[in-house]
Amino acid sequence: MPARHKLQCKPLTQTRKLYKITVATAGVAVIVPAAVAAGLTVSGASAGHSPSMLAMAGARTATAHPDARMQLIGAVRHEVAKLAVSRVRAERAAARRAAKRQAAKRAAEGRAQQAAAAATPAPSPSSQASSGSVPQPSGNPQQIAAAMLGSYGWSSSEFGCLVSLWNLESGWNVYASNPSSGAYGIPQALPGSKMASAGPDWQSNAATQIRWGLGYIKSLYGSPCGAWSHAQASGWY
């Protein structure tokens, strides 16, 4: 037989090897022929390429090994779906926690308001007339609060806790507001209109807001340091 015919009839002796490719994004191991392995960039998959890029890589080898391509795409889609579900669950859990905190704060303020109303007798006309002549503390909000501490039976040692508490709540800003909850003012009353019990100028007067806030703290926590400890433990007071 001529040499030419011998070359044509020589059987193919190259061994077809299989390689295991671990696709990090999909989290699965796919056994594919070497021809398919040459078309996939393993380093690209482990570097965090998007599922669409992995699908494009698989598309280049579709004619060589369509089953491996479909397994890869299916695994990537499954992993992306799991991540989306996890993200939605985390967002819902955070929303539930925020709603619980707001509900607990509303309930606490309601109890404090009821306790204050029960403990405070209705003022007589004479006392109302005399209260208008009592000088109001002046200065910045922190100076006003420091001057009021003694009237609630607290020493100056409580002032540091009060500063920390209202730094966290409002930064001592008279106009601080929380659109998501409706809290307002220096003490972040919820809703802000509750502070009207301390004066009609509750929206803009620091002394009125502080007076209401100190009364709220005394009725519910006993002292600014008691309120600050609760805020550190739960994120609200």
C-alpha atoms as a PDB file:
ATOM      1  CA  MET A   1       0.000   0.000   0.000  1.00  0.00           C
ATOM      2  CA  PRO A   2       1.407   3.396  -0.882  1.00  0.00           C
ATOM      3  CA  ALA A   3       2.596   5.647   1.910  1.00  0.00           C
ATOM      4  CA  ARG A   4      -0.157   8.122   1.073  1.00  0.00           C
ATOM      5  CA  HIS A   5      -2.877   5.521   1.766  1.00  0.00           C
ATOM      6  CA  LYS A   6      -1.183   4.454   4.938  1.00  0.00           C
ATOM      7  CA  LEU A   7      -1.376   7.987   6.239  1.00  0.00           C
ATOM      8  CA  GLN A   8      -5.053   8.218   5.387  1.00  0.00           C
ATOM      9  CA  CYS A   9      -5.920   4.962   7.139  1.00  0.00           C
ATOM     10  CA  LYS A  10      -3.786   5.513  10.243  1.00  0.00           C
ATOM     11  CA  PRO A  11      -6.157   5.479  13.237  1.00  0.00           C
ATOM     12  CA  LEU A  12      -6.431   8.478  15.511  1.00  0.00           C
ATOM     13  CA  THR A  13      -4.296   7.749  18.546  1.00  0.00           C
ATOM     14  CA  GLN A  14      -4.629  11.060  20.451  1.00  0.00           C
ATOM     15  CA  THR A  15      -6.309  10.391  23.796  1.00  0.00           C
ATOM     16  CA  ARG A  16      -9.314  12.589  24.626  1.00  0.00           C
ATOM     17  CA  LYS A  17      -8.752  13.675  28.224  1.00  0.00           C
ATOM     18  CA  LEU A  18     -11.366  15.038  30.559  1.00  0.00           C
ATOM     19  CA  TYR A  19     -10.652  17.885  32.913  1.00  0.00           C
ATOM     20  CA  LYS A  20     -12.512  18.956  36.019  1.00  0.00           C
ATOM     21  CA  ILE A  21     -13.250  22.672  35.983  1.00  0.00           C
ATOM     22  CA  THR A  22     -14.483  24.230  39.194  1.00  0.00           C
ATOM     23  CA  VAL A  23     -16.638  27.247  38.443  1.00  0.00           C
ATOM     24  CA  ALA A  24     -16.312  29.334  41.624  1.00  0.00           C
ATOM     25  CA  THR A  25     -19.282  31.545  40.917  1.00  0.00           C
ATOM     26  CA  ALA A  26     -21.624  28.612  40.386  1.00  0.00           C
ATOM     27  CA  GLY A  27     -20.111  26.475  43.127  1.00  0.00           C
ATOM     28  CA  VAL A  28     -20.227  23.280  41.029  1.00  0.00           C
ATOM     29  CA  ALA A  29     -17.694  20.994  39.358  1.00  0.00           C
ATOM     30  CA  VAL A  30     -18.355  20.167  35.692  1.00  0.00           C
ATOM     31  CA  ILE A  31     -16.494  17.338  33.856  1.00  0.00           C
ATOM     32  CA  VAL A  32     -15.985  18.428  30.240  1.00  0.00           C
ATOM     33  CA  PRO A  33     -13.756  17.362  27.290  1.00  0.00           C
ATOM     34  CA  ALA A  34     -10.434  19.109  26.829  1.00  0.00           C
ATOM     35  CA  ALA A  35     -11.796  20.949  23.779  1.00  0.00           C
ATOM     36  CA  VAL A  36     -14.472  22.540  25.944  1.00  0.00           C
ATOM     37  CA  ALA A  37     -12.019  23.281  28.749  1.00  0.00           C
ATOM     38  CA  ALA A  38      -9.894  25.269  26.296  1.00  0.00           C
ATOM     39  CA  GLY A  39     -12.834  27.584  25.626  1.00  0.00           C
ATOM     40  CA  LEU A  40     -13.553  28.449  29.299  1.00  0.00           C
ATOM     41  CA  THR A  41     -11.462  30.869  31.333  1.00  0.00           C
ATOM     42  CA  VAL A  42     -11.313  29.385  34.807  1.00  0.00           C
ATOM     43  CA  SER A  43      -9.439  32.385  36.194  1.00  0.00           C
ATOM     44  CA  GLY A  44     -12.133  34.667  34.842  1.00  0.00           C
ATOM     45  CA  ALA A  45     -14.833  32.626  36.583  1.00  0.00           C
ATOM     46  CA  SER A  46     -13.054  32.673  39.929  1.00  0.00           C
ATOM     47  CA  ALA A  47     -12.425  36.415  39.596  1.00  0.00           C
ATOM     48  CA  GLY A  48     -16.147  37.021  39.848  1.00  0.00           C
ATOM     49  CA  HIS A  49     -17.327  37.539  36.214  1.00  0.00           C
ATOM     50  CA  SER A  50     -21.050  37.992  35.805  1.00  0.00           C
ATOM     51  CA  PRO A  51     -23.316  35.079  34.875  1.00  0.00           C
ATOM     52  CA  SER A  52     -23.793  36.624  31.416  1.00  0.00           C
ATOM     53  CA  MET A  53     -20.038  36.495  30.741  1.00  0.00           C
ATOM     54  CA  LEU A  54     -19.928  32.852  31.842  1.00  0.00           C
ATOM     55  CA  ALA A  55     -22.823  32.117  29.529  1.00  0.00           C
ATOM     56  CA  MET A  56     -20.937  33.802  26.628  1.00  0.00           C
ATOM     57  CA  ALA A  57     -17.892  31.687  27.413  1.00  0.00           C
ATOM     58  CA  GLY A  58     -20.047  28.595  27.350  1.00  0.00           C
ATOM     59  CA  ALA A  59     -21.622  29.674  24.052  1.00  0.00           C
ATOM     60  CA  ARG A  60     -18.253  29.468  22.299  1.00  0.00           C
ATOM     61  CA  THR A  61     -18.142  25.752  23.038  1.00  0.00           C
ATOM     62  CA  ALA A  62     -21.801  24.948  22.431  1.00  0.00           C
ATOM     63  CA  THR A  63     -21.080  22.923  19.306  1.00  0.00           C
ATOM     64  CA  ALA A  64     -18.309  20.980  21.036  1.00  0.00           C
ATOM     65  CA  HIS A  65     -20.198  20.015  24.174  1.00  0.00           C
ATOM     66  CA  PRO A  66     -23.729  21.474  24.598  1.00  0.00           C
ATOM     67  CA  ASP A  67     -24.502  19.469  27.760  1.00  0.00           C
ATOM     68  CA  ALA A  68     -21.613  21.012  29.694  1.00  0.00           C
ATOM     69  CA  ARG A  69     -22.669  24.493  28.588  1.00  0.00           C
ATOM     70  CA  MET A  70     -26.239  23.956  29.754  1.00  0.00           C
ATOM     71  CA  GLN A  71     -25.055  22.600  33.126  1.00  0.00           C
ATOM     72  CA  LEU A  72     -22.864  25.644  33.608  1.00  0.00           C
ATOM     73  CA  ILE A  73     -25.598  28.143  32.724  1.00  0.00           C
ATOM     74  CA  GLY A  74     -28.126  26.331  34.911  1.00  0.00           C
ATOM     75  CA  ALA A  75     -25.786  26.313  37.889  1.00  0.00           C
ATOM     76  CA  VAL A  76     -25.043  30.035  37.516  1.00  0.00           C
ATOM     77  CA  ARG A  77     -28.731  30.913  37.244  1.00  0.00           C
ATOM     78  CA  HIS A  78     -29.502  28.845  40.333  1.00  0.00           C
ATOM     79  CA  GLU A  79     -26.790  30.609  42.353  1.00  0.00           C
ATOM     80  CA  VAL A  80     -27.936  34.071  41.221  1.00  0.00           C
ATOM     81  CA  ALA A  81     -31.520  33.225  42.210  1.00  0.00           C
ATOM     82  CA  LYS A  82     -30.336  32.113  45.683  1.00  0.00           C
ATOM     83  CA  LEU A  83     -28.457  35.397  46.170  1.00  0.00           C
ATOM     84  CA  ALA A  84     -31.520  37.417  45.159  1.00  0.00           C
ATOM     85  CA  VAL A  85     -33.730  35.537  47.617  1.00  0.00           C
ATOM     86  CA  SER A  86     -31.187  36.041  50.420  1.00  0.00           C
ATOM     87  CA  ARG A  87     -31.045  39.766  49.731  1.00  0.00           C
ATOM     88  CA  VAL A  88     -34.833  40.130  49.792  1.00  0.00           C
ATOM     89  CA  ARG A  89     -35.045  38.185  53.065  1.00  0.00           C
ATOM     90  CA  ALA A  90     -32.376  40.389  54.673  1.00  0.00           C
ATOM     91  CA  GLU A  91     -34.189  43.575  53.592  1.00  0.00           C
ATOM     92  CA  ARG A  92     -37.484  42.300  54.987  1.00  0.00           C
ATOM     93  CA  ALA A  93     -35.856  41.324  58.285  1.00  0.00           C
ATOM     94  CA  ALA A  94     -34.302  44.792  58.616  1.00  0.00           C
ATOM     95  CA  ALA A  95     -37.669  46.424  57.925  1.00  0.00           C
ATOM     96  CA  ARG A  96     -39.326  44.248  60.583  1.00  0.00           C
ATOM     97  CA  ARG A  97     -36.656  45.178  63.133  1.00  0.00           C
ATOM     98  CA  ALA A  98     -37.093  48.902  62.379  1.00  0.00           C
ATOM     99  CA  ALA A  99     -40.864  48.603  62.727  1.00  0.00           C
ATOM    100  CA  LYS A 100     -40.462  46.850  66.095  1.00  0.00           C
ATOM    101  CA  ARG A 101     -38.164  49.597  67.356  1.00  0.00           C
ATOM    102  CA  GLN A 102     -40.618  52.303  66.307  1.00  0.00           C
ATOM    103  CA  ALA A 103     -43.564  50.467  67.861  1.00  0.00           C
ATOM    104  CA  ALA A 104     -41.655  49.973  71.117  1.00  0.00           C
ATOM    105  CA  LYS A 105     -40.714  53.641  71.218  1.00  0.00           C
ATOM    106  CA  ARG A 106     -44.305  54.733  70.580  1.00  0.00           C
ATOM    107  CA  ALA A 107     -45.554  52.443  73.336  1.00  0.00           C
ATOM    108  CA  ALA A 108     -42.933  53.730  75.772  1.00  0.00           C
ATOM    109  CA  GLU A 109     -43.798  57.341  75.019  1.00  0.00           C
ATOM    110  CA  GLY A 110     -47.490  56.580  75.471  1.00  0.00           C
ATOM    111  CA  ARG A 111     -46.831  55.057  78.885  1.00  0.00           C
ATOM    112  CA  ALA A 112     -44.661  57.988  79.888  1.00  0.00           C
ATOM    113  CA  GLN A 113     -47.287  60.483  78.808  1.00  0.00           C
ATOM    114  CA  GLN A 114     -49.992  58.691  80.779  1.00  0.00           C
ATOM    115  CA  ALA A 115     -47.776  58.498  83.869  1.00  0.00           C
ATOM    116  CA  ALA A 116     -46.916  62.181  83.635  1.00  0.00           C
ATOM    117  CA  ALA A 117     -50.565  63.165  83.209  1.00  0.00           C
ATOM    118  CA  ALA A 118     -51.570  61.097  86.234  1.00  0.00           C
ATOM    119  CA  ALA A 119     -48.795  62.470  88.423  1.00  0.00           C
ATOM    120  CA  THR A 120     -49.163  66.134  87.475  1.00  0.00           C
ATOM    121  CA  PRO A 121     -52.163  67.966  88.937  1.00  0.00           C
ATOM    122  CA  ALA A 122     -54.015  70.448  86.791  1.00  0.00           C
ATOM    123  CA  PRO A 123     -52.493  73.922  87.295  1.00  0.00           C
ATOM    124  CA  SER A 124     -54.612  76.552  88.994  1.00  0.00           C
ATOM    125  CA  PRO A 125     -55.238  79.911  87.297  1.00  0.00           C
ATOM    126  CA  SER A 126     -52.930  81.610  89.797  1.00  0.00           C
ATOM    127  CA  SER A 127     -50.086  79.223  89.102  1.00  0.00           C
ATOM    128  CA  GLN A 128     -50.572  79.674  85.359  1.00  0.00           C
ATOM    129  CA  ALA A 129     -50.313  83.406  85.785  1.00  0.00           C
ATOM    130  CA  SER A 130     -47.185  83.167  87.903  1.00  0.00           C
ATOM    131  CA  SER A 131     -45.488  80.686  85.584  1.00  0.00           C
ATOM    132  CA  GLY A 132     -45.382  83.260  82.850  1.00  0.00           C
ATOM    133  CA  SER A 133     -43.153  85.462  84.997  1.00  0.00           C
ATOM    134  CA  VAL A 134     -40.584  82.713  85.730  1.00  0.00           C
ATOM    135  CA  PRO A 135     -37.406  83.457  83.754  1.00  0.00           C
ATOM    136  CA  GLN A 136     -36.555  80.867  81.144  1.00  0.00           C
ATOM    137  CA  PRO A 137     -32.991  79.459  80.862  1.00  0.00           C
ATOM    138  CA  SER A 138     -30.985  81.073  78.110  1.00  0.00           C
ATOM    139  CA  GLY A 139     -28.000  80.097  75.999  1.00  0.00           C
ATOM    140  CA  ASN A 140     -27.491  77.252  73.570  1.00  0.00           C
ATOM    141  CA  PRO A 141     -29.534  74.041  73.972  1.00  0.00           C
ATOM    142  CA  GLN A 142     -26.912  72.283  76.080  1.00  0.00           C
ATOM    143  CA  GLN A 143     -26.606  75.255  78.423  1.00  0.00           C
ATOM    144  CA  ILE A 144     -30.383  75.352  78.790  1.00  0.00           C
ATOM    145  CA  ALA A 145     -30.493  71.629  79.590  1.00  0.00           C
ATOM    146  CA  ALA A 146     -27.671  71.923  82.141  1.00  0.00           C
ATOM    147  CA  ALA A 147     -29.569  74.709  83.911  1.00  0.00           C
ATOM    148  CA  MET A 148     -32.748  72.576  84.056  1.00  0.00           C
ATOM    149  CA  LEU A 149     -31.213  69.415  85.542  1.00  0.00           C
ATOM    150  CA  GLY A 150     -31.508  70.540  89.139  1.00  0.00           C
ATOM    151  CA  SER A 151     -35.253  71.203  88.846  1.00  0.00           C
ATOM    152  CA  TYR A 152     -35.735  67.491  88.072  1.00  0.00           C
ATOM    153  CA  GLY A 153     -33.692  66.382  91.079  1.00  0.00           C
ATOM    154  CA  TRP A 154     -30.561  65.415  89.134  1.00  0.00           C
ATOM    155  CA  SER A 155     -26.971  66.398  89.785  1.00  0.00           C
ATOM    156  CA  SER A 156     -24.575  67.706  87.165  1.00  0.00           C
ATOM    157  CA  SER A 157     -23.122  64.192  86.866  1.00  0.00           C
ATOM    158  CA  GLU A 158     -26.151  63.269  84.736  1.00  0.00           C
ATOM    159  CA  PHE A 159     -25.342  65.901  82.129  1.00  0.00           C
ATOM    160  CA  GLY A 160     -22.751  63.791  80.283  1.00  0.00           C
ATOM    161  CA  CYS A 161     -25.307  61.023  79.742  1.00  0.00           C
ATOM    162  CA  LEU A 162     -27.834  63.557  78.461  1.00  0.00           C
ATOM    163  CA  VAL A 163     -25.311  65.010  76.021  1.00  0.00           C
ATOM    164  CA  SER A 164     -24.500  61.546  74.654  1.00  0.00           C
ATOM    165  CA  LEU A 165     -28.174  60.620  74.398  1.00  0.00           C
ATOM    166  CA  TRP A 166     -29.288  63.667  72.465  1.00  0.00           C
ATOM    167  CA  ASN A 167     -26.138  63.744  70.368  1.00  0.00           C
ATOM    168  CA  LEU A 168     -27.263  60.327  69.151  1.00  0.00           C
ATOM    169  CA  GLU A 169     -30.913  61.280  68.717  1.00  0.00           C
ATOM    170  CA  SER A 170     -30.733  64.711  67.095  1.00  0.00           C
ATOM    171  CA  GLY A 171     -27.337  66.335  67.534  1.00  0.00           C
ATOM    172  CA  TRP A 172     -29.194  68.885  69.744  1.00  0.00           C
ATOM    173  CA  ASN A 173     -30.884  70.281  66.647  1.00  0.00           C
ATOM    174  CA  VAL A 174     -34.244  71.948  67.416  1.00  0.00           C
ATOM    175  CA  TYR A 175     -35.474  71.188  63.883  1.00  0.00           C
ATOM    176  CA  ALA A 176     -34.188  67.623  63.600  1.00  0.00           C
ATOM    177  CA  SER A 177     -36.796  65.364  62.024  1.00  0.00           C
ATOM    178  CA  ASN A 178     -37.032  61.709  61.079  1.00  0.00           C
ATOM    179  CA  PRO A 179     -39.229  61.326  57.973  1.00  0.00           C
ATOM    180  CA  SER A 180     -39.561  57.577  58.385  1.00  0.00           C
ATOM    181  CA  SER A 181     -40.902  57.682  61.944  1.00  0.00           C
ATOM    182  CA  GLY A 182     -42.184  61.229  62.432  1.00  0.00           C
ATOM    183  CA  ALA A 183     -39.898  61.927  65.421  1.00  0.00           C
ATOM    184  CA  TYR A 184     -38.983  65.591  65.867  1.00  0.00           C
ATOM    185  CA  GLY A 185     -36.828  67.995  67.829  1.00  0.00           C
ATOM    186  CA  ILE A 186     -33.955  67.669  70.266  1.00  0.00           C
ATOM    187  CA  PRO A 187     -35.500  64.773  72.248  1.00  0.00           C
ATOM    188  CA  GLN A 188     -36.978  63.218  69.069  1.00  0.00           C
ATOM    189  CA  ALA A 189     -40.529  63.087  70.415  1.00  0.00           C
ATOM    190  CA  LEU A 190     -42.703  60.668  68.464  1.00  0.00           C
ATOM    191  CA  PRO A 191     -44.734  62.358  67.121  1.00  0.00           C
ATOM    192  CA  GLY A 192     -43.309  65.827  67.628  1.00  0.00           C
ATOM    193  CA  SER A 193     -46.706  67.285  68.477  1.00  0.00           C
ATOM    194  CA  LYS A 194     -46.506  65.581  71.892  1.00  0.00           C
ATOM    195  CA  MET A 195     -44.193  68.389  72.959  1.00  0.00           C
ATOM    196  CA  ALA A 196     -47.113  70.820  72.749  1.00  0.00           C
ATOM    197  CA  SER A 197     -47.863  69.761  76.342  1.00  0.00           C
ATOM    198  CA  ALA A 198     -44.720  71.683  77.323  1.00  0.00           C
ATOM    199  CA  GLY A 199     -45.549  74.799  75.308  1.00  0.00           C
ATOM    200  CA  PRO A 200     -47.131  76.016  72.069  1.00  0.00           C
ATOM    201  CA  ASP A 201     -43.741  76.917  70.611  1.00  0.00           C
ATOM    202  CA  TRP A 202     -42.539  73.293  70.662  1.00  0.00           C
ATOM    203  CA  GLN A 203     -41.527  73.360  66.991  1.00  0.00           C
ATOM    204  CA  SER A 204     -38.829  76.002  67.400  1.00  0.00           C
ATOM    205  CA  ASN A 205     -38.079  76.627  71.086  1.00  0.00           C
ATOM    206  CA  ALA A 206     -35.192  74.602  72.512  1.00  0.00           C
ATOM    207  CA  ALA A 207     -36.258  75.226  76.129  1.00  0.00           C
ATOM    208  CA  THR A 208     -39.751  73.873  75.458  1.00  0.00           C
ATOM    209  CA  GLN A 209     -38.398  70.757  73.754  1.00  0.00           C
ATOM    210  CA  ILE A 210     -35.829  70.144  76.494  1.00  0.00           C
ATOM    211  CA  ARG A 211     -38.440  70.571  79.224  1.00  0.00           C
ATOM    212  CA  TRP A 212     -40.632  67.973  77.574  1.00  0.00           C
ATOM    213  CA  GLY A 213     -37.671  65.663  76.957  1.00  0.00           C
ATOM    214  CA  LEU A 214     -36.448  65.804  80.555  1.00  0.00           C
ATOM    215  CA  GLY A 215     -39.958  65.081  81.827  1.00  0.00           C
ATOM    216  CA  TYR A 216     -40.189  62.113  79.485  1.00  0.00           C
ATOM    217  CA  ILE A 217     -36.829  60.771  80.693  1.00  0.00           C
ATOM    218  CA  LYS A 218     -37.737  61.187  84.362  1.00  0.00           C
ATOM    219  CA  SER A 219     -41.108  59.446  84.050  1.00  0.00           C
ATOM    220  CA  LEU A 220     -39.802  56.473  82.054  1.00  0.00           C
ATOM    221  CA  TYR A 221     -36.140  55.965  82.969  1.00  0.00           C
ATOM    222  CA  GLY A 222     -35.627  57.970  86.142  1.00  0.00           C
ATOM    223  CA  SER A 223     -32.555  59.823  84.932  1.00  0.00           C
ATOM    224  CA  PRO A 224     -30.586  60.730  81.780  1.00  0.00           C
ATOM    225  CA  CYS A 225     -28.033  58.006  82.556  1.00  0.00           C
ATOM    226  CA  GLY A 226     -30.853  55.468  82.824  1.00  0.00           C
ATOM    227  CA  ALA A 227     -32.168  56.571  79.418  1.00  0.00           C
ATOM    228  CA  TRP A 228     -28.669  56.490  77.912  1.00  0.00           C
ATOM    229  CA  SER A 229     -28.079  52.937  79.158  1.00  0.00           C
ATOM    230  CA  HIS A 230     -31.349  51.829  77.553  1.00  0.00           C
ATOM    231  CA  ALA A 231     -30.462  53.570  74.284  1.00  0.00           C
ATOM    232  CA  GLN A 232     -27.072  51.843  74.189  1.00  0.00           C
ATOM    233  CA  ALA A 233     -28.702  48.450  74.682  1.00  0.00           C
ATOM    234  CA  SER A 234     -31.646  48.820  72.305  1.00  0.00           C
ATOM    235  CA  GLY A 235     -30.869  51.712  69.931  1.00  0.00           C
ATOM    236  CA  TRP A 236     -33.767  53.887  71.164  1.00  0.00           C
ATOM    237  CA  TYR A 237     -35.084  55.341  74.380  1.00  0.00           C
END
